[in-house]
């Protein structure tokens, strides 16, 4: 990961322009972007961790946690809400014994 950071830092005109490609590479290698990677990116590119978290949480492609074995997606739109999506969510939480990680964005 360190060599990846160095390569991108020197290849770009500014550290900010290297941020997304670096995050993509980390996610490609690890499957998600752990806190330790964000710290290292912050230190190497001299970008505040808060800004990096802002980028990671803004884009759907990035994950802060490893993916689970299964992925369940629930609609949270207005039409789904009116038709009982909240009930479905509660039932699934109970069934899974709250062993879920919410990723509502």
PDB file of N, CA and C in Angstrom:
ATOM      1  N   UNK A   1       0.826  -1.189   0.000  1.00  0.00           N
ATOM      2  CA  UNK A   1       0.000   0.000   0.000  1.00  0.00           C
ATOM      3  C   UNK A   1       0.874   1.259   0.000  1.00  0.00           C
ATOM      4  N   UNK A   2       1.976   1.232   0.710  1.00  0.00           N
ATOM      5  CA  UNK A   2       2.860   2.396   0.781  1.00  0.00           C
ATOM      6  C   UNK A   2       3.436   2.726  -0.587  1.00  0.00           C
ATOM      7  N   UNK A   3       3.855   1.703  -1.339  1.00  0.00           N
ATOM      8  CA  UNK A   3       4.401   1.962  -2.678  1.00  0.00           C
ATOM      9  C   UNK A   3       3.321   2.523  -3.597  1.00  0.00           C
ATOM     10  N   UNK A   4       2.094   2.050  -3.450  1.00  0.00           N
ATOM     11  CA  UNK A   4       0.974   2.583  -4.226  1.00  0.00           C
ATOM     12  C   UNK A   4       0.805   4.064  -3.944  1.00  0.00           C
ATOM     13  N   UNK A   5       0.870   4.433  -2.669  1.00  0.00           N
ATOM     14  CA  UNK A   5       0.730   5.840  -2.293  1.00  0.00           C
ATOM     15  C   UNK A   5       1.844   6.687  -2.889  1.00  0.00           C
ATOM     16  N   UNK A   6       3.063   6.204  -2.799  1.00  0.00           N
ATOM     17  CA  UNK A   6       4.197   6.958  -3.343  1.00  0.00           C
ATOM     18  C   UNK A   6       4.057   7.155  -4.848  1.00  0.00           C
ATOM     19  N   UNK A   7       3.685   6.082  -5.550  1.00  0.00           N
ATOM     20  CA  UNK A   7       3.539   6.167  -7.007  1.00  0.00           C
ATOM     21  C   UNK A   7       2.502   7.205  -7.403  1.00  0.00           C
ATOM     22  N   UNK A   8       1.343   7.169  -6.758  1.00  0.00           N
ATOM     23  CA  UNK A   8       0.286   8.115  -7.102  1.00  0.00           C
ATOM     24  C   UNK A   8       0.657   9.536  -6.690  1.00  0.00           C
ATOM     25  N   UNK A   9       1.307   9.685  -5.562  1.00  0.00           N
ATOM     26  CA  UNK A   9       1.657  11.021  -5.081  1.00  0.00           C
ATOM     27  C   UNK A   9       2.598  11.710  -6.066  1.00  0.00           C
ATOM     28  N   UNK A  10       3.550  10.969  -6.596  1.00  0.00           N
ATOM     29  CA  UNK A  10       4.523  11.570  -7.507  1.00  0.00           C
ATOM     30  C   UNK A  10       3.981  11.712  -8.932  1.00  0.00           C
ATOM     31  N   UNK A  11       3.008  10.934  -9.296  1.00  0.00           N
ATOM     32  CA  UNK A  11       2.477  10.963 -10.655  1.00  0.00           C
ATOM     33  C   UNK A  11       1.436  12.062 -10.855  1.00  0.00           C
ATOM     34  N   UNK A  12       0.897  12.609  -9.790  1.00  0.00           N
ATOM     35  CA  UNK A  12      -0.170  13.609  -9.885  1.00  0.00           C
ATOM     36  C   UNK A  12       0.374  15.008  -9.611  1.00  0.00           C
ATOM     37  N   UNK A  13      -0.347  16.001 -10.135  1.00  0.00           N
ATOM     38  CA  UNK A  13       0.068  17.387  -9.917  1.00  0.00           C
ATOM     39  C   UNK A  13      -0.230  17.852  -8.498  1.00  0.00           C
ATOM     40  N   UNK A  14      -1.240  17.277  -7.883  1.00  0.00           N
ATOM     41  CA  UNK A  14      -1.567  17.649  -6.502  1.00  0.00           C
ATOM     42  C   UNK A  14      -2.001  16.399  -5.735  1.00  0.00           C
ATOM     43  N   UNK A  15      -1.799  16.402  -4.423  1.00  0.00           N
ATOM     44  CA  UNK A  15      -2.234  15.249  -3.619  1.00  0.00           C
ATOM     45  C   UNK A  15      -3.735  14.985  -3.744  1.00  0.00           C
ATOM     46  N   UNK A  16      -4.518  16.046  -3.860  1.00  0.00           N
ATOM     47  CA  UNK A  16      -5.973  15.879  -3.964  1.00  0.00           C
ATOM     48  C   UNK A  16      -6.352  15.092  -5.216  1.00  0.00           C
ATOM     49  N   UNK A  17      -5.613  15.289  -6.305  1.00  0.00           N
ATOM     50  CA  UNK A  17      -5.939  14.564  -7.541  1.00  0.00           C
ATOM     51  C   UNK A  17      -5.582  13.084  -7.444  1.00  0.00           C
ATOM     52  N   UNK A  18      -4.743  12.726  -6.485  1.00  0.00           N
ATOM     53  CA  UNK A  18      -4.367  11.324  -6.297  1.00  0.00           C
ATOM     54  C   UNK A  18      -5.327  10.585  -5.377  1.00  0.00           C
ATOM     55  N   UNK A  19      -6.158  11.319  -4.630  1.00  0.00           N
ATOM     56  CA  UNK A  19      -6.957  10.696  -3.576  1.00  0.00           C
ATOM     57  C   UNK A  19      -7.875   9.582  -4.076  1.00  0.00           C
ATOM     58  N   UNK A  20      -8.717   9.855  -5.042  1.00  0.00           N
ATOM     59  CA  UNK A  20      -9.678   8.837  -5.489  1.00  0.00           C
ATOM     60  C   UNK A  20      -8.972   7.633  -6.114  1.00  0.00           C
ATOM     61  N   UNK A  21      -7.986   7.829  -7.003  1.00  0.00           N
ATOM     62  CA  UNK A  21      -7.283   6.646  -7.519  1.00  0.00           C
ATOM     63  C   UNK A  21      -6.614   5.815  -6.422  1.00  0.00           C
ATOM     64  N   UNK A  22      -6.064   6.472  -5.411  1.00  0.00           N
ATOM     65  CA  UNK A  22      -5.432   5.749  -4.304  1.00  0.00           C
ATOM     66  C   UNK A  22      -6.479   4.953  -3.536  1.00  0.00           C
ATOM     67  N   UNK A  23      -7.607   5.573  -3.242  1.00  0.00           N
ATOM     68  CA  UNK A  23      -8.677   4.868  -2.523  1.00  0.00           C
ATOM     69  C   UNK A  23      -9.196   3.680  -3.337  1.00  0.00           C
ATOM     70  N   UNK A  24      -9.329   3.865  -4.645  1.00  0.00           N
ATOM     71  CA  UNK A  24      -9.774   2.765  -5.507  1.00  0.00           C
ATOM     72  C   UNK A  24      -8.784   1.604  -5.463  1.00  0.00           C
ATOM     73  N   UNK A  25      -7.509   1.917  -5.485  1.00  0.00           N
ATOM     74  CA  UNK A  25      -6.480   0.870  -5.459  1.00  0.00           C
ATOM     75  C   UNK A  25      -6.500   0.125  -4.122  1.00  0.00           C
ATOM     76  N   UNK A  26      -6.655   0.860  -3.025  1.00  0.00           N
ATOM     77  CA  UNK A  26      -6.718   0.224  -1.705  1.00  0.00           C
ATOM     78  C   UNK A  26      -7.922  -0.700  -1.633  1.00  0.00           C
ATOM     79  N   UNK A  27      -9.066  -0.206  -2.100  1.00  0.00           N
ATOM     80  CA  UNK A  27     -10.272  -1.038  -2.065  1.00  0.00           C
ATOM     81  C   UNK A  27     -10.109  -2.267  -2.952  1.00  0.00           C
ATOM     82  N   UNK A  28      -9.472  -2.103  -4.093  1.00  0.00           N
ATOM     83  CA  UNK A  28      -9.230  -3.236  -4.995  1.00  0.00           C
ATOM     84  C   UNK A  28      -8.362  -4.292  -4.303  1.00  0.00           C
ATOM     85  N   UNK A  29      -7.356  -3.854  -3.560  1.00  0.00           N
ATOM     86  CA  UNK A  29      -6.435  -4.780  -2.900  1.00  0.00           C
ATOM     87  C   UNK A  29      -7.023  -5.413  -1.647  1.00  0.00           C
ATOM     88  N   UNK A  30      -7.745  -4.631  -0.843  1.00  0.00           N
ATOM     89  CA  UNK A  30      -8.219  -5.118   0.454  1.00  0.00           C
ATOM     90  C   UNK A  30      -9.706  -5.468   0.490  1.00  0.00           C
ATOM     91  N   UNK A  31     -10.459  -4.983  -0.485  1.00  0.00           N
ATOM     92  CA  UNK A  31     -11.899  -5.230  -0.491  1.00  0.00           C
ATOM     93  C   UNK A  31     -12.689  -4.167   0.251  1.00  0.00           C
ATOM     94  N   UNK A  32     -12.002  -3.306   0.974  1.00  0.00           N
ATOM     95  CA  UNK A  32     -12.613  -2.182   1.690  1.00  0.00           C
ATOM     96  C   UNK A  32     -11.494  -1.228   2.076  1.00  0.00           C
ATOM     97  N   UNK A  33     -11.849  -0.107   2.706  1.00  0.00           N
ATOM     98  CA  UNK A  33     -10.848   0.878   3.101  1.00  0.00           C
ATOM     99  C   UNK A  33     -10.829   0.982   4.621  1.00  0.00           C
ATOM    100  N   UNK A  34      -9.885   0.309   5.266  1.00  0.00           N
ATOM    101  CA  UNK A  34      -9.829   0.323   6.732  1.00  0.00           C
ATOM    102  C   UNK A  34      -9.295   1.654   7.275  1.00  0.00           C
ATOM    103  N   UNK A  35      -9.554   1.883   8.544  1.00  0.00           N
ATOM    104  CA  UNK A  35      -9.121   3.123   9.206  1.00  0.00           C
ATOM    105  C   UNK A  35      -7.601   3.321   9.097  1.00  0.00           C
ATOM    106  N   UNK A  36      -6.839   2.254   9.255  1.00  0.00           N
ATOM    107  CA  UNK A  36      -5.378   2.381   9.179  1.00  0.00           C
ATOM    108  C   UNK A  36      -4.939   2.866   7.797  1.00  0.00           C
ATOM    109  N   UNK A  37      -5.659   2.466   6.752  1.00  0.00           N
ATOM    110  CA  UNK A  37      -5.333   2.919   5.399  1.00  0.00           C
ATOM    111  C   UNK A  37      -5.653   4.405   5.248  1.00  0.00           C
ATOM    112  N   UNK A  38      -6.766   4.824   5.833  1.00  0.00           N
ATOM    113  CA  UNK A  38      -7.136   6.241   5.765  1.00  0.00           C
ATOM    114  C   UNK A  38      -6.085   7.088   6.485  1.00  0.00           C
ATOM    115  N   UNK A  39      -5.608   6.592   7.629  1.00  0.00           N
ATOM    116  CA  UNK A  39      -4.545   7.313   8.358  1.00  0.00           C
ATOM    117  C   UNK A  39      -3.293   7.446   7.499  1.00  0.00           C
ATOM    118  N   UNK A  40      -2.914   6.349   6.843  1.00  0.00           N
ATOM    119  CA  UNK A  40      -1.705   6.359   6.015  1.00  0.00           C
ATOM    120  C   UNK A  40      -1.871   7.285   4.812  1.00  0.00           C
ATOM    121  N   UNK A  41      -3.032   7.240   4.179  1.00  0.00           N
ATOM    122  CA  UNK A  41      -3.301   8.124   3.039  1.00  0.00           C
ATOM    123  C   UNK A  41      -3.239   9.581   3.499  1.00  0.00           C
ATOM    124  N   UNK A  42      -3.832   9.865   4.636  1.00  0.00           N
ATOM    125  CA  UNK A  42      -3.837  11.220   5.188  1.00  0.00           C
ATOM    126  C   UNK A  42      -2.411  11.720   5.422  1.00  0.00           C
ATOM    127  N   UNK A  43      -1.607  10.876   6.012  1.00  0.00           N
ATOM    128  CA  UNK A  43      -0.218  11.238   6.322  1.00  0.00           C
ATOM    129  C   UNK A  43       0.604  11.433   5.045  1.00  0.00           C
ATOM    130  N   UNK A  44       0.454  10.516   4.104  1.00  0.00           N
ATOM    131  CA  UNK A  44       1.258  10.551   2.882  1.00  0.00           C
ATOM    132  C   UNK A  44       0.852  11.685   1.947  1.00  0.00           C
ATOM    133  N   UNK A  45      -0.464  11.846   1.742  1.00  0.00           N
ATOM    134  CA  UNK A  45      -0.936  12.872   0.808  1.00  0.00           C
ATOM    135  C   UNK A  45      -1.159  14.224   1.478  1.00  0.00           C
ATOM    136  N   UNK A  46      -1.006  14.255   2.808  1.00  0.00           N
ATOM    137  CA  UNK A  46      -1.216  15.485   3.578  1.00  0.00           C
ATOM    138  C   UNK A  46      -2.622  16.051   3.360  1.00  0.00           C
ATOM    139  N   UNK A  47      -3.591  15.141   3.456  1.00  0.00           N
ATOM    140  CA  UNK A  47      -5.011  15.487   3.352  1.00  0.00           C
ATOM    141  C   UNK A  47      -5.646  15.099   4.680  1.00  0.00           C
ATOM    142  N   UNK A  48      -6.446  15.977   5.292  1.00  0.00           N
ATOM    143  CA  UNK A  48      -7.060  15.638   6.579  1.00  0.00           C
ATOM    144  C   UNK A  48      -7.917  14.370   6.492  1.00  0.00           C
ATOM    145  N   UNK A  49      -7.876  13.576   7.560  1.00  0.00           N
ATOM    146  CA  UNK A  49      -8.676  12.347   7.596  1.00  0.00           C
ATOM    147  C   UNK A  49     -10.155  12.655   7.393  1.00  0.00           C
ATOM    148  N   UNK A  50     -10.626  13.769   7.920  1.00  0.00           N
ATOM    149  CA  UNK A  50     -12.045  14.123   7.778  1.00  0.00           C
ATOM    150  C   UNK A  50     -12.421  14.294   6.310  1.00  0.00           C
ATOM    151  N   UNK A  51     -11.524  14.844   5.518  1.00  0.00           N
ATOM    152  CA  UNK A  51     -11.801  15.006   4.087  1.00  0.00           C
ATOM    153  C   UNK A  51     -11.831  13.649   3.390  1.00  0.00           C
ATOM    154  N   UNK A  52     -10.927  12.770   3.774  1.00  0.00           N
ATOM    155  CA  UNK A  52     -10.888  11.430   3.176  1.00  0.00           C
ATOM    156  C   UNK A  52     -12.160  10.671   3.531  1.00  0.00           C
ATOM    157  N   UNK A  53     -12.579  10.729   4.798  1.00  0.00           N
ATOM    158  CA  UNK A  53     -13.836  10.095   5.192  1.00  0.00           C
ATOM    159  C   UNK A  53     -15.003  10.678   4.401  1.00  0.00           C
ATOM    160  N   UNK A  54     -14.973  11.977   4.180  1.00  0.00           N
ATOM    161  CA  UNK A  54     -16.027  12.613   3.386  1.00  0.00           C
ATOM    162  C   UNK A  54     -16.109  12.036   1.986  1.00  0.00           C
ATOM    163  N   UNK A  55     -14.967  11.820   1.368  1.00  0.00           N
ATOM    164  CA  UNK A  55     -14.925  11.243   0.017  1.00  0.00           C
ATOM    165  C   UNK A  55     -15.392   9.790   0.049  1.00  0.00           C
ATOM    166  N   UNK A  56     -14.884   9.021   1.004  1.00  0.00           N
ATOM    167  CA  UNK A  56     -15.229   7.591   1.094  1.00  0.00           C
ATOM    168  C   UNK A  56     -16.727   7.403   1.325  1.00  0.00           C
ATOM    169  N   UNK A  57     -17.315   8.221   2.184  1.00  0.00           N
ATOM    170  CA  UNK A  57     -18.746   8.054   2.484  1.00  0.00           C
ATOM    171  C   UNK A  57     -19.640   8.668   1.412  1.00  0.00           C
ATOM    172  N   UNK A  58     -19.100   9.544   0.582  1.00  0.00           N
ATOM    173  CA  UNK A  58     -19.895  10.150  -0.487  1.00  0.00           C
ATOM    174  C   UNK A  58     -20.107   9.182  -1.644  1.00  0.00           C
ATOM    175  N   UNK A  59     -19.067   8.459  -2.023  1.00  0.00           N
ATOM    176  CA  UNK A  59     -19.144   7.571  -3.180  1.00  0.00           C
ATOM    177  C   UNK A  59     -19.576   6.165  -2.762  1.00  0.00           C
ATOM    178  N   UNK A  60     -20.584   5.634  -3.458  1.00  0.00           N
ATOM    179  CA  UNK A  60     -21.107   4.293  -3.156  1.00  0.00           C
ATOM    180  C   UNK A  60     -20.078   3.192  -3.396  1.00  0.00           C
ATOM    181  N   UNK A  61     -19.124   3.425  -4.264  1.00  0.00           N
ATOM    182  CA  UNK A  61     -18.154   2.376  -4.600  1.00  0.00           C
ATOM    183  C   UNK A  61     -17.235   2.022  -3.437  1.00  0.00           C
ATOM    184  N   UNK A  62     -17.084   2.927  -2.476  1.00  0.00           N
ATOM    185  CA  UNK A  62     -16.164   2.679  -1.369  1.00  0.00           C
ATOM    186  C   UNK A  62     -16.870   2.071  -0.167  1.00  0.00           C
ATOM    187  N   UNK A  63     -16.156   1.174   0.526  1.00  0.00           N
ATOM    188  CA  UNK A  63     -16.678   0.535   1.739  1.00  0.00           C
ATOM    189  C   UNK A  63     -15.685   0.745   2.875  1.00  0.00           C
ATOM    190  N   UNK A  64     -16.206   1.014   4.069  1.00  0.00           N
ATOM    191  CA  UNK A  64     -15.362   1.175   5.256  1.00  0.00           C
ATOM    192  C   UNK A  64     -15.214  -0.130   6.021  1.00  0.00           C
ATOM    193  N   UNK A  65     -15.999  -1.131   5.651  1.00  0.00           N
ATOM    194  CA  UNK A  65     -15.979  -2.426   6.342  1.00  0.00           C
ATOM    195  C   UNK A  65     -15.963  -3.532   5.302  1.00  0.00           C
ATOM    196  N   UNK A  66     -15.407  -4.682   5.647  1.00  0.00           N
ATOM    197  CA  UNK A  66     -15.454  -5.810   4.705  1.00  0.00           C
ATOM    198  C   UNK A  66     -16.902  -6.206   4.447  1.00  0.00           C
ATOM    199  N   UNK A  67     -17.160  -6.638   3.244  1.00  0.00           N
ATOM    200  CA  UNK A  67     -18.512  -7.093   2.926  1.00  0.00           C
ATOM    201  C   UNK A  67     -18.813  -8.375   3.678  1.00  0.00           C
ATOM    202  N   UNK A  68     -20.064  -8.527   4.028  1.00  0.00           N
ATOM    203  CA  UNK A  68     -20.499  -9.750   4.689  1.00  0.00           C
ATOM    204  C   UNK A  68     -20.626 -10.880   3.686  1.00  0.00           C
ATOM    205  N   UNK A  69     -20.993 -12.024   4.191  1.00  0.00           N
ATOM    206  CA  UNK A  69     -21.157 -13.198   3.341  1.00  0.00           C
ATOM    207  C   UNK A  69     -22.316 -12.994   2.367  1.00  0.00           C
ATOM    208  N   UNK A  70     -23.363 -12.345   2.844  1.00  0.00           N
ATOM    209  CA  UNK A  70     -24.545 -12.090   2.014  1.00  0.00           C
ATOM    210  C   UNK A  70     -24.868 -10.608   2.048  1.00  0.00           C
ATOM    211  N   UNK A  71     -25.473 -10.129   0.986  1.00  0.00           N
ATOM    212  CA  UNK A  71     -25.897  -8.734   0.923  1.00  0.00           C
ATOM    213  C   UNK A  71     -27.411  -8.693   0.744  1.00  0.00           C
ATOM    214  N   UNK A  72     -28.063  -7.965   1.625  1.00  0.00           N
ATOM    215  CA  UNK A  72     -29.505  -7.763   1.533  1.00  0.00           C
ATOM    216  C   UNK A  72     -29.729  -6.278   1.320  1.00  0.00           C
ATOM    217  N   UNK A  73     -30.473  -5.940   0.288  1.00  0.00           N
ATOM    218  CA  UNK A  73     -30.752  -4.545  -0.013  1.00  0.00           C
ATOM    219  C   UNK A  73     -32.242  -4.295   0.133  1.00  0.00           C
ATOM    220  N   UNK A  74     -32.575  -3.248   0.858  1.00  0.00           N
ATOM    221  CA  UNK A  74     -33.968  -2.865   1.040  1.00  0.00           C
ATOM    222  C   UNK A  74     -34.200  -1.491   0.445  1.00  0.00           C
ATOM    223  N   UNK A  75     -35.328  -1.337  -0.204  1.00  0.00           N
ATOM    224  CA  UNK A  75     -35.709  -0.043  -0.757  1.00  0.00           C
ATOM    225  C   UNK A  75     -36.133   0.883   0.378  1.00  0.00           C
ATOM    226  N   UNK A  76     -35.642   2.110   0.341  1.00  0.00           N
ATOM    227  CA  UNK A  76     -36.029   3.099   1.350  1.00  0.00           C
ATOM    228  C   UNK A  76     -36.728   4.288   0.700  1.00  0.00           C
ATOM    229  N   UNK A  77     -37.151   4.128  -0.537  1.00  0.00           N
ATOM    230  CA  UNK A  77     -37.855   5.197  -1.246  1.00  0.00           C
ATOM    231  C   UNK A  77     -39.261   5.398  -0.695  1.00  0.00           C
ATOM    232  N   UNK A  78     -39.897   6.459  -1.135  1.00  0.00           N
ATOM    233  CA  UNK A  78     -41.233   6.809  -0.645  1.00  0.00           C
ATOM    234  C   UNK A  78     -42.243   5.701  -0.918  1.00  0.00           C
ATOM    235  N   UNK A  79     -42.258   5.187  -2.143  1.00  0.00           N
ATOM    236  CA  UNK A  79     -43.232   4.143  -2.488  1.00  0.00           C
ATOM    237  C   UNK A  79     -43.029   2.902  -1.621  1.00  0.00           C
ATOM    238  N   UNK A  80     -41.797   2.536  -1.371  1.00  0.00           N
ATOM    239  CA  UNK A  80     -41.512   1.366  -0.530  1.00  0.00           C
ATOM    240  C   UNK A  80     -41.895   1.639   0.921  1.00  0.00           C
ATOM    241  N   UNK A  81     -41.623   2.842   1.385  1.00  0.00           N
ATOM    242  CA  UNK A  81     -41.977   3.213   2.758  1.00  0.00           C
ATOM    243  C   UNK A  81     -43.485   3.090   2.970  1.00  0.00           C
ATOM    244  N   UNK A  82     -44.243   3.607   2.018  1.00  0.00           N
ATOM    245  CA  UNK A  82     -45.706   3.555   2.107  1.00  0.00           C
ATOM    246  C   UNK A  82     -46.197   2.112   2.102  1.00  0.00           C
ATOM    247  N   UNK A  83     -45.471   1.231   1.436  1.00  0.00           N
ATOM    248  CA  UNK A  83     -45.884  -0.168   1.327  1.00  0.00           C
ATOM    249  C   UNK A  83     -45.230  -1.088   2.356  1.00  0.00           C
ATOM    250  N   UNK A  84     -44.654  -0.531   3.419  1.00  0.00           N
ATOM    251  CA  UNK A  84     -44.199  -1.361   4.524  1.00  0.00           C
ATOM    252  C   UNK A  84     -42.728  -1.713   4.580  1.00  0.00           C
ATOM    253  N   UNK A  85     -41.873  -0.944   3.920  1.00  0.00           N
ATOM    254  CA  UNK A  85     -40.441  -1.256   3.938  1.00  0.00           C
ATOM    255  C   UNK A  85     -39.874  -1.242   5.356  1.00  0.00           C
ATOM    256  N   UNK A  86     -40.384  -0.357   6.203  1.00  0.00           N
ATOM    257  CA  UNK A  86     -39.892  -0.298   7.589  1.00  0.00           C
ATOM    258  C   UNK A  86     -40.175  -1.604   8.323  1.00  0.00           C
ATOM    259  N   UNK A  87     -41.329  -2.178   8.074  1.00  0.00           N
ATOM    260  CA  UNK A  87     -41.679  -3.456   8.698  1.00  0.00           C
ATOM    261  C   UNK A  87     -40.732  -4.551   8.221  1.00  0.00           C
ATOM    262  N   UNK A  88     -40.460  -4.568   6.923  1.00  0.00           N
ATOM    263  CA  UNK A  88     -39.521  -5.560   6.380  1.00  0.00           C
ATOM    264  C   UNK A  88     -38.157  -5.430   7.050  1.00  0.00           C
ATOM    265  N   UNK A  89     -37.714  -4.213   7.240  1.00  0.00           N
ATOM    266  CA  UNK A  89     -36.416  -3.967   7.863  1.00  0.00           C
ATOM    267  C   UNK A  89     -36.398  -4.492   9.292  1.00  0.00           C
ATOM    268  N   UNK A  90     -37.427  -4.203  10.056  1.00  0.00           N
ATOM    269  CA  UNK A  90     -37.502  -4.669  11.445  1.00  0.00           C
ATOM    270  C   UNK A  90     -37.536  -6.193  11.531  1.00  0.00           C
ATOM    271  N   UNK A  91     -38.316  -6.814  10.659  1.00  0.00           N
ATOM    272  CA  UNK A  91     -38.416  -8.276  10.652  1.00  0.00           C
ATOM    273  C   UNK A  91     -37.054  -8.896  10.322  1.00  0.00           C
ATOM    274  N   UNK A  92     -36.374  -8.354   9.321  1.00  0.00           N
ATOM    275  CA  UNK A  92     -35.050  -8.875   8.964  1.00  0.00           C
ATOM    276  C   UNK A  92     -34.040  -8.676  10.093  1.00  0.00           C
ATOM    277  N   UNK A  93     -34.090  -7.535  10.758  1.00  0.00           N
ATOM    278  CA  UNK A  93     -33.181  -7.302  11.886  1.00  0.00           C
ATOM    279  C   UNK A  93     -33.408  -8.333  12.982  1.00  0.00           C
ATOM    280  N   UNK A  94     -34.663  -8.584  13.294  1.00  0.00           N
ATOM    281  CA  UNK A  94     -34.957  -9.577  14.337  1.00  0.00           C
ATOM    282  C   UNK A  94     -34.491 -10.963  13.906  1.00  0.00           C
ATOM    283  N   UNK A  95     -34.778 -11.318  12.667  1.00  0.00           N
ATOM    284  CA  UNK A  95     -34.409 -12.627  12.148  1.00  0.00           C
ATOM    285  C   UNK A  95     -32.889 -12.817  12.167  1.00  0.00           C
ATOM    286  N   UNK A  96     -32.171 -11.769  11.801  1.00  0.00           N
ATOM    287  CA  UNK A  96     -30.710 -11.843  11.754  1.00  0.00           C
ATOM    288  C   UNK A  96     -30.076 -11.527  13.103  1.00  0.00           C
ATOM    289  N   UNK A  97     -30.893 -11.332  14.106  1.00  0.00           N
ATOM    290  CA  UNK A  97     -30.432 -11.058  15.472  1.00  0.00           C
ATOM    291  C   UNK A  97     -29.497  -9.848  15.511  1.00  0.00           C
ATOM    292  N   UNK A  98     -29.867  -8.822  14.743  1.00  0.00           N
ATOM    293  CA  UNK A  98     -29.110  -7.564  14.684  1.00  0.00           C
ATOM    294  C   UNK A  98     -27.658  -7.733  14.253  1.00  0.00           C
ATOM    295  N   UNK A  99     -27.333  -8.815  13.588  1.00  0.00           N
ATOM    296  CA  UNK A  99     -25.970  -9.014  13.091  1.00  0.00           C
ATOM    297  C   UNK A  99     -25.834  -8.412  11.698  1.00  0.00           C
ATOM    298  N   UNK A 100     -26.196  -7.158  11.607  1.00  0.00           N
ATOM    299  CA  UNK A 100     -26.147  -6.466  10.325  1.00  0.00           C
ATOM    300  C   UNK A 100     -25.337  -5.196  10.479  1.00  0.00           C
ATOM    301  N   UNK A 101     -24.899  -4.676   9.371  1.00  0.00           N
ATOM    302  CA  UNK A 101     -24.217  -3.387   9.356  1.00  0.00           C
ATOM    303  C   UNK A 101     -24.998  -2.504   8.397  1.00  0.00           C
ATOM    304  N   UNK A 102     -25.588  -1.465   8.935  1.00  0.00           N
ATOM    305  CA  UNK A 102     -26.388  -0.557   8.110  1.00  0.00           C
ATOM    306  C   UNK A 102     -25.475   0.206   7.163  1.00  0.00           C
ATOM    307  N   UNK A 103     -25.898   0.320   5.925  1.00  0.00           N
ATOM    308  CA  UNK A 103     -25.142   1.095   4.944  1.00  0.00           C
ATOM    309  C   UNK A 103     -26.073   2.025   4.191  1.00  0.00           C
ATOM    310  N   UNK A 104     -26.993   2.625   4.913  1.00  0.00           N
ATOM    311  CA  UNK A 104     -27.938   3.531   4.265  1.00  0.00           C
ATOM    312  C   UNK A 104     -27.207   4.771   3.777  1.00  0.00           C
ATOM    313  N   UNK A 105     -27.365   5.045   2.502  1.00  0.00           N
ATOM    314  CA  UNK A 105     -26.763   6.256   1.919  1.00  0.00           C
ATOM    315  C   UNK A 105     -27.762   6.907   1.017  1.00  0.00           C
TER     316      UNK A 105
END
